[in-house]
Amino acid sequence: MRRVSGVEFRMRHLTLMQTALNQNDTPPGSIDAAPRVLLLGLGNDILTDDAVGLLVVRELRPKLAAHPSIDIRETTEMGLALLDFITGYRAVVIVDSIQTGKAPAGFLHELDASALNQLTGRTPHFVGVSETLALGRQLGLAMPEQVRIFAIEVEDPFTLSTDMTPALQSALPGIVERIAAALPKLA
């Protein structure tokens, strides 16, 4: 039995996804008629402030539960693995942590996918978001027309702990409210 590399496995998975999408009633590369938005929280809930994307989404879930066109998900995945989450949505809103060192903890950077390269800082989760979108389009997958990223400035994304730093804990309610206010405009 031949061993399959991770890249080869992912490409086979993407090919199967593309085949499945092309077999439904929707023309290849188009997005379902229902206007759907994905709110996707990224992070690692055992690395102090890196959990902020997950926590924001968890706070927003009950507030947005009745909204028919917003799906709410969270993941620790990054890069090409995000294709499994974002395919088929009209718009995607990503919430994640970042450490630029140029803003105080709790500062909310708002940008679209094209502006990702302008924001320099440490976060593994939106590494390759632009490339992932481009690959999805190249494969004929239904990629989001709009990508909005809320990158939350953090103080400590590396210490092993399930508690965020005090600065980020105190900023969390305001962050949640700002993102909640922005979502209906995308739906």
N, C-alpha and C. Protein backbone atom coordinates (compact mmCIF):
# COMPACT_ATOMS: atom_id res chain seq x y z
N MET A 1 0.84 -1.17 0.00
CA MET A 1 0.00 0.00 0.00
C MET A 1 0.89 1.24 0.00
N ARG A 2 0.62 2.17 -0.93
CA ARG A 2 1.41 3.38 -1.07
C ARG A 2 0.96 4.41 -0.05
N ARG A 3 1.93 5.06 0.59
CA ARG A 3 1.64 6.11 1.56
C ARG A 3 1.31 7.41 0.82
N VAL A 4 0.24 8.09 1.26
CA VAL A 4 -0.22 9.32 0.61
C VAL A 4 0.24 10.51 1.44
N SER A 5 0.85 11.50 0.77
CA SER A 5 1.31 12.70 1.49
C SER A 5 0.11 13.55 1.89
N GLY A 6 0.34 14.46 2.84
CA GLY A 6 -0.72 15.37 3.30
C GLY A 6 -1.24 16.25 2.17
N VAL A 7 -0.34 16.74 1.32
CA VAL A 7 -0.74 17.61 0.21
C VAL A 7 -1.58 16.81 -0.79
N GLU A 8 -1.13 15.59 -1.10
CA GLU A 8 -1.88 14.75 -2.03
C GLU A 8 -3.25 14.42 -1.47
N PHE A 9 -3.33 14.12 -0.18
CA PHE A 9 -4.61 13.84 0.47
C PHE A 9 -5.53 15.04 0.37
N ARG A 10 -5.03 16.24 0.67
CA ARG A 10 -5.85 17.46 0.62
C ARG A 10 -6.34 17.72 -0.81
N MET A 11 -5.48 17.51 -1.82
CA MET A 11 -5.89 17.74 -3.20
C MET A 11 -6.97 16.74 -3.61
N ARG A 12 -6.86 15.48 -3.17
CA ARG A 12 -7.92 14.50 -3.45
C ARG A 12 -9.23 14.94 -2.79
N HIS A 13 -9.12 15.42 -1.55
CA HIS A 13 -10.30 15.89 -0.83
C HIS A 13 -10.95 17.07 -1.56
N LEU A 14 -10.15 18.01 -2.03
CA LEU A 14 -10.68 19.16 -2.75
C LEU A 14 -11.34 18.74 -4.06
N THR A 15 -10.75 17.75 -4.75
CA THR A 15 -11.33 17.24 -5.98
C THR A 15 -12.69 16.61 -5.71
N LEU A 16 -12.80 15.83 -4.63
CA LEU A 16 -14.08 15.23 -4.26
C LEU A 16 -15.11 16.30 -3.91
N MET A 17 -14.68 17.35 -3.19
CA MET A 17 -15.58 18.44 -2.85
C MET A 17 -16.09 19.12 -4.12
N GLN A 18 -15.18 19.36 -5.06
CA GLN A 18 -15.57 20.02 -6.30
C GLN A 18 -16.57 19.17 -7.08
N THR A 19 -16.34 17.86 -7.13
CA THR A 19 -17.25 16.95 -7.82
C THR A 19 -18.62 16.98 -7.16
N ALA A 20 -18.66 16.93 -5.84
CA ALA A 20 -19.94 16.95 -5.12
C ALA A 20 -20.68 18.26 -5.36
N LEU A 21 -19.98 19.37 -5.33
CA LEU A 21 -20.62 20.66 -5.57
C LEU A 21 -21.16 20.77 -6.99
N ASN A 22 -20.44 20.21 -7.94
CA ASN A 22 -20.86 20.30 -9.33
C ASN A 22 -22.03 19.38 -9.66
N GLN A 23 -22.34 18.43 -8.76
CA GLN A 23 -23.42 17.49 -9.03
C GLN A 23 -24.77 17.99 -8.52
N ASN A 24 -24.79 19.11 -7.80
CA ASN A 24 -26.10 19.60 -7.34
C ASN A 24 -26.74 20.46 -8.42
N ASP A 25 -27.87 21.07 -8.13
CA ASP A 25 -28.62 21.85 -9.12
C ASP A 25 -28.00 23.21 -9.42
N THR A 26 -27.04 23.62 -8.63
CA THR A 26 -26.43 24.94 -8.79
C THR A 26 -25.32 24.87 -9.83
N PRO A 27 -25.24 25.82 -10.74
CA PRO A 27 -24.15 25.80 -11.72
C PRO A 27 -22.79 25.86 -11.03
N PRO A 28 -21.77 25.19 -11.61
CA PRO A 28 -20.44 25.19 -10.99
C PRO A 28 -19.93 26.60 -10.75
N GLY A 29 -19.34 26.81 -9.59
CA GLY A 29 -18.74 28.09 -9.26
C GLY A 29 -19.71 29.13 -8.76
N SER A 30 -21.01 28.83 -8.73
CA SER A 30 -21.97 29.82 -8.24
C SER A 30 -22.29 29.54 -6.78
N ILE A 31 -22.87 30.52 -6.14
CA ILE A 31 -23.19 30.40 -4.73
C ILE A 31 -24.70 30.25 -4.61
N ASP A 32 -25.13 29.40 -3.69
CA ASP A 32 -26.54 29.15 -3.44
C ASP A 32 -27.31 30.46 -3.39
N ALA A 33 -28.55 30.44 -3.87
CA ALA A 33 -29.36 31.65 -3.95
C ALA A 33 -29.61 32.30 -2.59
N ALA A 34 -29.66 31.50 -1.53
CA ALA A 34 -29.90 32.06 -0.20
C ALA A 34 -28.68 32.88 0.23
N PRO A 35 -28.90 34.15 0.61
CA PRO A 35 -27.74 34.95 1.06
C PRO A 35 -27.25 34.42 2.39
N ARG A 36 -26.08 33.84 2.40
CA ARG A 36 -25.57 33.24 3.61
C ARG A 36 -24.22 33.84 3.99
N VAL A 37 -24.08 34.06 5.27
CA VAL A 37 -22.85 34.60 5.82
C VAL A 37 -22.32 33.61 6.84
N LEU A 38 -21.02 33.37 6.80
CA LEU A 38 -20.37 32.53 7.80
C LEU A 38 -19.58 33.42 8.74
N LEU A 39 -19.86 33.30 10.03
CA LEU A 39 -19.05 33.93 11.07
C LEU A 39 -18.14 32.84 11.59
N LEU A 40 -16.84 32.99 11.37
CA LEU A 40 -15.87 31.94 11.68
C LEU A 40 -14.85 32.44 12.69
N GLY A 41 -14.88 31.87 13.89
CA GLY A 41 -13.91 32.21 14.93
C GLY A 41 -12.72 31.28 14.85
N LEU A 42 -11.52 31.85 14.85
CA LEU A 42 -10.29 31.06 14.79
C LEU A 42 -9.50 31.24 16.08
N GLY A 43 -8.73 30.23 16.44
CA GLY A 43 -7.88 30.37 17.60
C GLY A 43 -7.56 29.05 18.26
N ASN A 44 -6.90 29.16 19.40
CA ASN A 44 -6.53 28.01 20.20
C ASN A 44 -6.90 28.33 21.64
N ASP A 45 -7.86 27.61 22.17
CA ASP A 45 -8.39 27.97 23.49
C ASP A 45 -7.53 27.55 24.67
N ILE A 46 -6.34 27.04 24.43
CA ILE A 46 -5.41 26.77 25.54
C ILE A 46 -4.16 27.65 25.45
N LEU A 47 -4.19 28.64 24.57
CA LEU A 47 -3.06 29.57 24.44
C LEU A 47 -3.50 31.00 24.75
N THR A 48 -3.74 31.27 26.02
CA THR A 48 -4.06 32.59 26.55
C THR A 48 -4.92 33.41 25.58
N ASP A 49 -4.37 34.50 25.03
CA ASP A 49 -5.13 35.42 24.19
C ASP A 49 -5.46 34.89 22.80
N ASP A 50 -4.80 33.83 22.36
CA ASP A 50 -5.07 33.28 21.04
C ASP A 50 -6.50 32.75 20.95
N ALA A 51 -7.14 32.54 22.09
CA ALA A 51 -8.51 32.03 22.11
C ALA A 51 -9.55 33.10 21.80
N VAL A 52 -9.16 34.34 21.66
CA VAL A 52 -10.14 35.43 21.56
C VAL A 52 -11.10 35.27 20.39
N GLY A 53 -10.66 34.79 19.25
CA GLY A 53 -11.56 34.59 18.12
C GLY A 53 -12.65 33.57 18.43
N LEU A 54 -12.27 32.50 19.12
CA LEU A 54 -13.24 31.49 19.53
C LEU A 54 -14.22 32.05 20.55
N LEU A 55 -13.70 32.81 21.51
CA LEU A 55 -14.54 33.36 22.57
C LEU A 55 -15.53 34.41 22.05
N VAL A 56 -15.10 35.23 21.11
CA VAL A 56 -16.00 36.23 20.52
C VAL A 56 -17.17 35.52 19.83
N VAL A 57 -16.86 34.49 19.06
CA VAL A 57 -17.91 33.76 18.34
C VAL A 57 -18.85 33.07 19.33
N ARG A 58 -18.31 32.53 20.40
CA ARG A 58 -19.17 31.89 21.41
C ARG A 58 -20.10 32.91 22.07
N GLU A 59 -19.61 34.12 22.28
CA GLU A 59 -20.46 35.18 22.85
C GLU A 59 -21.54 35.62 21.86
N LEU A 60 -21.21 35.63 20.57
CA LEU A 60 -22.16 36.07 19.56
C LEU A 60 -23.21 35.02 19.20
N ARG A 61 -22.89 33.76 19.41
CA ARG A 61 -23.80 32.68 19.01
C ARG A 61 -25.22 32.87 19.54
N PRO A 62 -25.45 33.08 20.86
CA PRO A 62 -26.83 33.24 21.32
C PRO A 62 -27.48 34.53 20.81
N LYS A 63 -26.69 35.58 20.60
CA LYS A 63 -27.24 36.85 20.12
C LYS A 63 -27.70 36.76 18.67
N LEU A 64 -27.07 35.88 17.89
CA LEU A 64 -27.37 35.78 16.46
C LEU A 64 -28.11 34.50 16.11
N ALA A 65 -28.50 33.72 17.09
CA ALA A 65 -29.12 32.42 16.84
C ALA A 65 -30.38 32.52 15.98
N ALA A 66 -31.12 33.59 16.12
CA ALA A 66 -32.37 33.74 15.36
C ALA A 66 -32.16 34.32 13.96
N HIS A 67 -30.94 34.72 13.63
CA HIS A 67 -30.67 35.33 12.32
C HIS A 67 -30.59 34.22 11.27
N PRO A 68 -31.51 34.20 10.31
CA PRO A 68 -31.60 33.07 9.38
C PRO A 68 -30.46 32.95 8.37
N SER A 69 -29.74 34.02 8.12
CA SER A 69 -28.71 33.93 7.08
C SER A 69 -27.28 33.94 7.61
N ILE A 70 -27.11 33.82 8.92
CA ILE A 70 -25.75 33.80 9.48
C ILE A 70 -25.50 32.44 10.14
N ASP A 71 -24.49 31.74 9.64
CA ASP A 71 -24.02 30.51 10.26
C ASP A 71 -22.82 30.85 11.13
N ILE A 72 -22.73 30.21 12.29
CA ILE A 72 -21.66 30.52 13.24
C ILE A 72 -20.86 29.26 13.50
N ARG A 73 -19.55 29.34 13.25
CA ARG A 73 -18.67 28.18 13.46
C ARG A 73 -17.38 28.65 14.09
N GLU A 74 -16.65 27.71 14.66
CA GLU A 74 -15.32 28.00 15.21
C GLU A 74 -14.39 26.85 14.88
N THR A 75 -13.11 27.15 14.77
CA THR A 75 -12.14 26.12 14.44
C THR A 75 -10.74 26.53 14.90
N THR A 76 -9.90 25.52 15.05
CA THR A 76 -8.49 25.74 15.32
C THR A 76 -7.67 25.55 14.05
N GLU A 77 -8.35 25.27 12.94
CA GLU A 77 -7.69 25.02 11.66
C GLU A 77 -7.15 26.32 11.06
N MET A 78 -6.31 26.17 10.03
CA MET A 78 -5.77 27.32 9.31
C MET A 78 -5.41 26.91 7.90
N GLY A 79 -5.07 27.88 7.08
CA GLY A 79 -4.61 27.61 5.72
C GLY A 79 -5.64 26.91 4.86
N LEU A 80 -5.20 25.91 4.09
CA LEU A 80 -6.08 25.20 3.17
C LEU A 80 -7.26 24.52 3.86
N ALA A 81 -7.10 24.16 5.12
CA ALA A 81 -8.20 23.52 5.86
C ALA A 81 -9.42 24.44 5.95
N LEU A 82 -9.22 25.75 5.81
CA LEU A 82 -10.35 26.69 5.87
C LEU A 82 -11.29 26.54 4.66
N LEU A 83 -10.81 25.92 3.57
CA LEU A 83 -11.68 25.69 2.42
C LEU A 83 -12.93 24.90 2.81
N ASP A 84 -12.75 23.94 3.71
CA ASP A 84 -13.88 23.13 4.17
C ASP A 84 -14.95 23.98 4.84
N PHE A 85 -14.56 25.08 5.42
CA PHE A 85 -15.50 25.95 6.14
C PHE A 85 -16.12 27.00 5.24
N ILE A 86 -15.33 27.62 4.35
CA ILE A 86 -15.79 28.81 3.64
C ILE A 86 -16.48 28.55 2.31
N THR A 87 -16.34 27.35 1.77
CA THR A 87 -16.95 27.03 0.47
C THR A 87 -18.47 27.12 0.55
N GLY A 88 -19.06 27.82 -0.39
CA GLY A 88 -20.51 27.89 -0.51
C GLY A 88 -21.16 29.08 0.16
N TYR A 89 -20.38 29.90 0.84
CA TYR A 89 -20.95 31.09 1.49
C TYR A 89 -20.78 32.31 0.61
N ARG A 90 -21.76 33.22 0.68
CA ARG A 90 -21.68 34.48 -0.06
C ARG A 90 -20.67 35.41 0.58
N ALA A 91 -20.64 35.41 1.91
CA ALA A 91 -19.70 36.26 2.66
C ALA A 91 -19.17 35.48 3.85
N VAL A 92 -17.94 35.76 4.20
CA VAL A 92 -17.29 35.13 5.36
C VAL A 92 -16.70 36.23 6.23
N VAL A 93 -16.97 36.13 7.52
CA VAL A 93 -16.40 37.04 8.51
C VAL A 93 -15.50 36.20 9.42
N ILE A 94 -14.22 36.51 9.42
CA ILE A 94 -13.24 35.77 10.23
C ILE A 94 -12.87 36.62 11.43
N VAL A 95 -12.89 36.00 12.61
CA VAL A 95 -12.49 36.67 13.84
C VAL A 95 -11.29 35.91 14.39
N ASP A 96 -10.17 36.61 14.59
CA ASP A 96 -8.94 35.95 15.04
C ASP A 96 -8.10 36.94 15.84
N SER A 97 -7.07 36.41 16.45
CA SER A 97 -6.12 37.24 17.19
C SER A 97 -4.96 37.63 16.28
N ILE A 98 -4.30 38.73 16.66
CA ILE A 98 -3.06 39.13 15.99
C ILE A 98 -2.22 39.90 16.99
N GLN A 99 -0.93 39.82 16.83
CA GLN A 99 -0.02 40.59 17.69
C GLN A 99 0.92 41.38 16.79
N THR A 100 0.58 42.66 16.58
CA THR A 100 1.42 43.53 15.76
C THR A 100 2.42 44.30 16.61
N GLY A 101 2.07 44.52 17.87
CA GLY A 101 2.90 45.35 18.73
C GLY A 101 2.72 46.83 18.46
N LYS A 102 1.81 47.19 17.57
CA LYS A 102 1.60 48.60 17.19
C LYS A 102 0.30 49.17 17.73
N ALA A 103 -0.46 48.34 18.43
CA ALA A 103 -1.74 48.79 18.99
C ALA A 103 -1.93 48.11 20.35
N PRO A 104 -2.73 48.70 21.22
CA PRO A 104 -2.95 48.09 22.54
C PRO A 104 -3.80 46.83 22.43
N ALA A 105 -3.65 45.95 23.40
CA ALA A 105 -4.47 44.73 23.45
C ALA A 105 -5.94 45.12 23.45
N GLY A 106 -6.71 44.44 22.60
CA GLY A 106 -8.13 44.73 22.48
C GLY A 106 -8.46 45.61 21.29
N PHE A 107 -7.46 46.20 20.64
CA PHE A 107 -7.71 47.01 19.45
C PHE A 107 -8.23 46.10 18.34
N LEU A 108 -9.26 46.54 17.64
CA LEU A 108 -9.89 45.73 16.60
C LEU A 108 -9.48 46.24 15.22
N HIS A 109 -8.66 45.44 14.54
CA HIS A 109 -8.28 45.74 13.16
C HIS A 109 -9.38 45.18 12.26
N GLU A 110 -9.93 46.00 11.37
CA GLU A 110 -10.97 45.55 10.43
C GLU A 110 -10.42 45.66 9.02
N LEU A 111 -10.44 44.57 8.27
CA LEU A 111 -9.91 44.59 6.92
C LEU A 111 -10.58 43.53 6.06
N ASP A 112 -10.37 43.65 4.74
CA ASP A 112 -10.86 42.63 3.83
C ASP A 112 -9.68 41.77 3.41
N ALA A 113 -9.96 40.71 2.66
CA ALA A 113 -8.92 39.74 2.29
C ALA A 113 -7.78 40.38 1.52
N SER A 114 -8.07 41.38 0.69
CA SER A 114 -7.01 42.00 -0.11
C SER A 114 -6.05 42.82 0.75
N ALA A 115 -6.48 43.24 1.92
CA ALA A 115 -5.63 44.06 2.79
C ALA A 115 -4.82 43.23 3.79
N LEU A 116 -4.96 41.92 3.75
CA LEU A 116 -4.24 41.07 4.71
C LEU A 116 -2.74 41.28 4.68
N ASN A 117 -2.18 41.46 3.51
CA ASN A 117 -0.73 41.61 3.39
C ASN A 117 -0.22 42.90 4.03
N GLN A 118 -1.11 43.88 4.21
CA GLN A 118 -0.70 45.14 4.81
C GLN A 118 -0.57 45.05 6.33
N LEU A 119 -1.24 44.07 6.93
CA LEU A 119 -1.23 43.92 8.38
C LEU A 119 -0.15 42.93 8.76
N THR A 120 0.90 43.43 9.36
CA THR A 120 1.99 42.55 9.76
C THR A 120 1.88 42.26 11.25
N GLY A 121 2.00 41.02 11.57
CA GLY A 121 1.91 40.61 12.96
C GLY A 121 1.92 39.10 13.04
N ARG A 122 1.91 38.61 14.27
CA ARG A 122 1.97 37.18 14.46
C ARG A 122 0.58 36.57 14.64
N THR A 123 0.21 35.72 13.73
CA THR A 123 -0.96 34.87 13.83
C THR A 123 -0.83 33.80 12.76
N PRO A 124 -0.98 32.54 13.12
CA PRO A 124 -0.88 31.50 12.10
C PRO A 124 -2.19 31.30 11.34
N HIS A 125 -3.29 31.81 11.84
CA HIS A 125 -4.58 31.41 11.32
C HIS A 125 -4.95 32.03 9.99
N PHE A 126 -4.57 33.30 9.71
CA PHE A 126 -4.90 33.78 8.39
C PHE A 126 -3.73 33.76 7.44
N VAL A 127 -2.74 32.93 7.76
CA VAL A 127 -1.68 32.66 6.80
C VAL A 127 -2.33 31.96 5.61
N GLY A 128 -2.21 32.54 4.46
CA GLY A 128 -2.71 31.89 3.26
C GLY A 128 -4.19 32.06 2.98
N VAL A 129 -4.90 32.96 3.67
CA VAL A 129 -6.34 33.14 3.38
C VAL A 129 -6.52 33.58 1.93
N SER A 130 -5.75 34.55 1.48
CA SER A 130 -5.85 35.01 0.08
C SER A 130 -5.54 33.88 -0.89
N GLU A 131 -4.50 33.10 -0.58
CA GLU A 131 -4.12 31.99 -1.44
C GLU A 131 -5.19 30.89 -1.42
N THR A 132 -5.79 30.66 -0.26
CA THR A 132 -6.85 29.65 -0.14
C THR A 132 -8.04 30.05 -0.99
N LEU A 133 -8.43 31.33 -0.95
CA LEU A 133 -9.52 31.81 -1.79
C LEU A 133 -9.20 31.65 -3.28
N ALA A 134 -7.97 31.98 -3.65
CA ALA A 134 -7.56 31.87 -5.05
C ALA A 134 -7.57 30.40 -5.50
N LEU A 135 -7.10 29.51 -4.66
CA LEU A 135 -7.11 28.08 -5.01
C LEU A 135 -8.54 27.58 -5.16
N GLY A 136 -9.41 27.96 -4.25
CA GLY A 136 -10.81 27.56 -4.35
C GLY A 136 -11.44 28.01 -5.65
N ARG A 137 -11.16 29.24 -6.05
CA ARG A 137 -11.70 29.76 -7.32
C ARG A 137 -11.12 28.98 -8.51
N GLN A 138 -9.81 28.69 -8.43
CA GLN A 138 -9.16 27.94 -9.50
C GLN A 138 -9.77 26.55 -9.65
N LEU A 139 -10.19 25.95 -8.53
CA LEU A 139 -10.82 24.63 -8.55
C LEU A 139 -12.29 24.69 -8.94
N GLY A 140 -12.81 25.90 -9.10
CA GLY A 140 -14.21 26.04 -9.48
C GLY A 140 -15.17 25.94 -8.30
N LEU A 141 -14.64 26.06 -7.08
CA LEU A 141 -15.48 26.01 -5.89
C LEU A 141 -16.19 27.35 -5.69
N ALA A 142 -17.31 27.32 -5.03
CA ALA A 142 -18.08 28.54 -4.76
C ALA A 142 -17.43 29.29 -3.60
N MET A 143 -16.59 30.24 -3.93
CA MET A 143 -15.88 31.01 -2.92
C MET A 143 -16.69 32.25 -2.54
N PRO A 144 -16.51 32.74 -1.32
CA PRO A 144 -17.24 33.94 -0.89
C PRO A 144 -16.90 35.14 -1.75
N GLU A 145 -17.92 35.94 -2.04
CA GLU A 145 -17.71 37.19 -2.78
C GLU A 145 -17.09 38.25 -1.88
N GLN A 146 -17.34 38.13 -0.59
CA GLN A 146 -16.86 39.12 0.36
C GLN A 146 -16.23 38.41 1.56
N VAL A 147 -15.03 38.86 1.95
CA VAL A 147 -14.35 38.34 3.13
C VAL A 147 -14.00 39.53 4.01
N ARG A 148 -14.46 39.48 5.23
CA ARG A 148 -14.18 40.54 6.21
C ARG A 148 -13.42 39.91 7.36
N ILE A 149 -12.35 40.53 7.80
CA ILE A 149 -11.54 39.98 8.88
C ILE A 149 -11.49 40.97 10.03
N PHE A 150 -11.81 40.46 11.21
CA PHE A 150 -11.66 41.21 12.45
C PHE A 150 -10.49 40.58 13.18
N ALA A 151 -9.36 41.28 13.17
CA ALA A 151 -8.15 40.80 13.84
C ALA A 151 -8.00 41.57 15.14
N ILE A 152 -8.05 40.85 16.23
CA ILE A 152 -8.03 41.48 17.55
C ILE A 152 -6.60 41.48 18.09
N GLU A 153 -6.12 42.67 18.38
CA GLU A 153 -4.77 42.81 18.93
C GLU A 153 -4.71 42.15 20.30
N VAL A 154 -3.69 41.31 20.49
CA VAL A 154 -3.55 40.58 21.75
C VAL A 154 -2.22 40.88 22.41
N GLU A 155 -2.17 40.60 23.69
CA GLU A 155 -0.97 40.83 24.49
C GLU A 155 -0.09 39.59 24.55
N ASP A 156 -0.71 38.40 24.77
CA ASP A 156 0.05 37.17 24.96
C ASP A 156 -0.66 35.98 24.30
N PRO A 157 -0.29 35.65 23.06
CA PRO A 157 -0.91 34.51 22.40
C PRO A 157 -0.13 33.20 22.55
N PHE A 158 0.90 33.17 23.40
CA PHE A 158 1.79 32.02 23.43
C PHE A 158 1.80 31.24 24.74
N THR A 159 1.39 31.86 25.84
CA THR A 159 1.44 31.17 27.14
C THR A 159 0.32 30.14 27.23
N LEU A 160 0.67 28.98 27.74
CA LEU A 160 -0.30 27.90 27.92
C LEU A 160 -1.22 28.24 29.09
N SER A 161 -2.46 28.61 28.77
CA SER A 161 -3.45 28.97 29.79
C SER A 161 -4.82 29.09 29.13
N THR A 162 -5.85 28.81 29.89
CA THR A 162 -7.21 28.97 29.37
C THR A 162 -7.80 30.33 29.75
N ASP A 163 -7.02 31.18 30.41
CA ASP A 163 -7.47 32.53 30.78
C ASP A 163 -6.77 33.56 29.91
N MET A 164 -7.55 34.49 29.38
CA MET A 164 -6.96 35.59 28.61
C MET A 164 -6.33 36.60 29.58
N THR A 165 -5.47 37.44 29.05
CA THR A 165 -4.86 38.49 29.86
C THR A 165 -5.94 39.47 30.31
N PRO A 166 -5.74 40.16 31.45
CA PRO A 166 -6.75 41.11 31.94
C PRO A 166 -7.13 42.19 30.92
N ALA A 167 -6.16 42.69 30.18
CA ALA A 167 -6.46 43.74 29.19
C ALA A 167 -7.44 43.25 28.14
N LEU A 168 -7.25 42.03 27.68
CA LEU A 168 -8.15 41.50 26.66
C LEU A 168 -9.50 41.11 27.24
N GLN A 169 -9.51 40.60 28.47
CA GLN A 169 -10.77 40.28 29.13
C GLN A 169 -11.65 41.52 29.27
N SER A 170 -11.05 42.64 29.63
CA SER A 170 -11.85 43.86 29.79
C SER A 170 -12.30 44.44 28.45
N ALA A 171 -11.55 44.19 27.39
CA ALA A 171 -11.93 44.70 26.07
C ALA A 171 -12.96 43.82 25.36
N LEU A 172 -13.12 42.58 25.80
CA LEU A 172 -13.96 41.61 25.11
C LEU A 172 -15.41 42.08 24.88
N PRO A 173 -16.12 42.61 25.87
CA PRO A 173 -17.51 43.03 25.62
C PRO A 173 -17.64 44.07 24.50
N GLY A 174 -16.74 45.03 24.45
CA GLY A 174 -16.78 46.03 23.39
C GLY A 174 -16.49 45.44 22.02
N ILE A 175 -15.57 44.50 21.97
CA ILE A 175 -15.24 43.82 20.70
C ILE A 175 -16.46 43.06 20.20
N VAL A 176 -17.10 42.33 21.09
CA VAL A 176 -18.28 41.55 20.73
C VAL A 176 -19.37 42.47 20.17
N GLU A 177 -19.60 43.60 20.82
CA GLU A 177 -20.64 44.53 20.37
C GLU A 177 -20.31 45.13 19.00
N ARG A 178 -19.06 45.49 18.77
CA ARG A 178 -18.69 46.07 17.48
C ARG A 178 -18.86 45.08 16.33
N ILE A 179 -18.49 43.83 16.58
CA ILE A 179 -18.63 42.81 15.54
C ILE A 179 -20.11 42.50 15.33
N ALA A 180 -20.88 42.41 16.41
CA ALA A 180 -22.33 42.17 16.31
C ALA A 180 -23.00 43.25 15.48
N ALA A 181 -22.58 44.48 15.64
CA ALA A 181 -23.17 45.60 14.88
C ALA A 181 -22.80 45.54 13.42
N ALA A 182 -21.63 45.01 13.09
CA ALA A 182 -21.18 44.95 11.69
C ALA A 182 -21.80 43.80 10.91
N LEU A 183 -22.17 42.73 11.58
CA LEU A 183 -22.65 41.53 10.88
C LEU A 183 -23.93 41.71 10.09
N PRO A 184 -24.97 42.34 10.61
CA PRO A 184 -26.21 42.48 9.82
C PRO A 184 -26.01 43.21 8.49
N LYS A 185 -25.03 44.07 8.41
CA LYS A 185 -24.75 44.78 7.16
C LYS A 185 -24.26 43.83 6.08
N LEU A 186 -23.66 42.72 6.48
CA LEU A 186 -23.16 41.74 5.52
C LEU A 186 -24.19 40.68 5.16
N ALA A 187 -25.19 40.51 6.01
CA ALA A 187 -26.18 39.43 5.81
C ALA A 187 -27.22 39.78 4.78
